[in-house]
Amino acid sequence: MPYGKYKGVAICNLPERYLIWLRSKGFPEGKLGMLLNTMYEIKLNGLEYLLKGLKDPSHRS
């Protein structure tokens, strides 16, 4: 995250409650907004397991 309370935190590590709050305020325009919205949808639908191999290379097959 480039700014705010979670500056320096990877988007995939943002707390779900923060993504919900951001969505209620409106995601920013552009690529950052798209990435935040995508992460919101991933967490909302319980799909974090899809990111496991990307975050931890030891889980790749």
Protein backbone atom coordinates (compact mmCIF):
# COMPACT_ATOMS: atom_id res chain seq x y z
CA MET A 1 0.00 0.00 0.00
CA PRO A 2 1.58 3.31 -1.01
CA TYR A 3 -0.05 5.51 1.65
CA GLY A 4 -2.07 5.66 4.86
CA LYS A 5 -2.10 3.47 7.93
CA TYR A 6 -0.93 0.43 5.96
CA LYS A 7 1.82 2.16 3.95
CA GLY A 8 4.40 -0.43 2.90
CA VAL A 9 2.08 -3.42 3.46
CA ALA A 10 1.54 -5.72 0.47
CA ILE A 11 -2.02 -5.47 -0.85
CA CYS A 12 -2.51 -9.21 -0.29
CA ASN A 13 -1.72 -8.67 3.42
CA LEU A 14 -4.22 -5.87 4.02
CA PRO A 15 -6.88 -6.77 6.60
CA GLU A 16 -10.30 -7.58 5.17
CA ARG A 17 -11.94 -4.97 7.41
CA TYR A 18 -9.71 -2.29 5.82
CA LEU A 19 -10.68 -3.39 2.30
CA ILE A 20 -14.36 -3.29 3.30
CA TRP A 21 -13.88 0.24 4.66
CA LEU A 22 -12.04 1.35 1.51
CA ARG A 23 -14.80 -0.06 -0.66
CA SER A 24 -17.43 1.89 1.28
CA LYS A 25 -15.42 5.09 0.68
CA GLY A 26 -14.68 4.20 -2.95
CA PHE A 27 -11.50 2.67 -4.29
CA PRO A 28 -9.06 5.08 -5.96
CA GLU A 29 -8.92 5.37 -9.74
CA GLY A 30 -6.45 3.42 -11.83
CA LYS A 31 -4.35 0.35 -11.25
CA LEU A 32 -4.28 0.69 -7.45
CA GLY A 33 -8.07 0.78 -7.31
CA MET A 34 -8.29 -2.28 -9.55
CA LEU A 35 -5.81 -4.19 -7.37
CA LEU A 36 -7.63 -3.23 -4.17
CA ASN A 37 -10.99 -4.24 -5.65
CA THR A 38 -9.55 -7.56 -6.82
CA MET A 39 -8.13 -8.28 -3.35
CA TYR A 40 -11.46 -7.30 -1.79
CA GLU A 41 -13.26 -9.84 -4.01
CA ILE A 42 -10.67 -12.55 -3.29
CA LYS A 43 -11.01 -12.11 0.47
CA LEU A 44 -14.80 -11.68 0.35
CA ASN A 45 -15.16 -15.00 -1.47
CA GLY A 46 -12.61 -16.90 0.65
CA LEU A 47 -10.17 -17.40 -2.21
CA GLU A 48 -6.95 -16.47 -0.38
CA TYR A 49 -5.63 -19.97 -1.06
CA LEU A 50 -5.15 -18.89 -4.68
CA LEU A 51 -2.41 -16.52 -3.50
CA LYS A 52 -0.52 -19.06 -1.39
CA GLY A 53 1.82 -20.19 -4.16
CA LEU A 54 2.51 -16.61 -5.14
CA LYS A 55 3.36 -15.53 -1.58
CA ASP A 56 5.35 -18.65 -0.59
CA PRO A 57 7.42 -20.20 -3.41
CA SER A 58 7.94 -23.41 -1.38
CA HIS A 59 4.29 -24.33 -2.11
CA ARG A 60 4.75 -24.38 -5.88
CA SER A 61 4.58 -27.69 -7.66
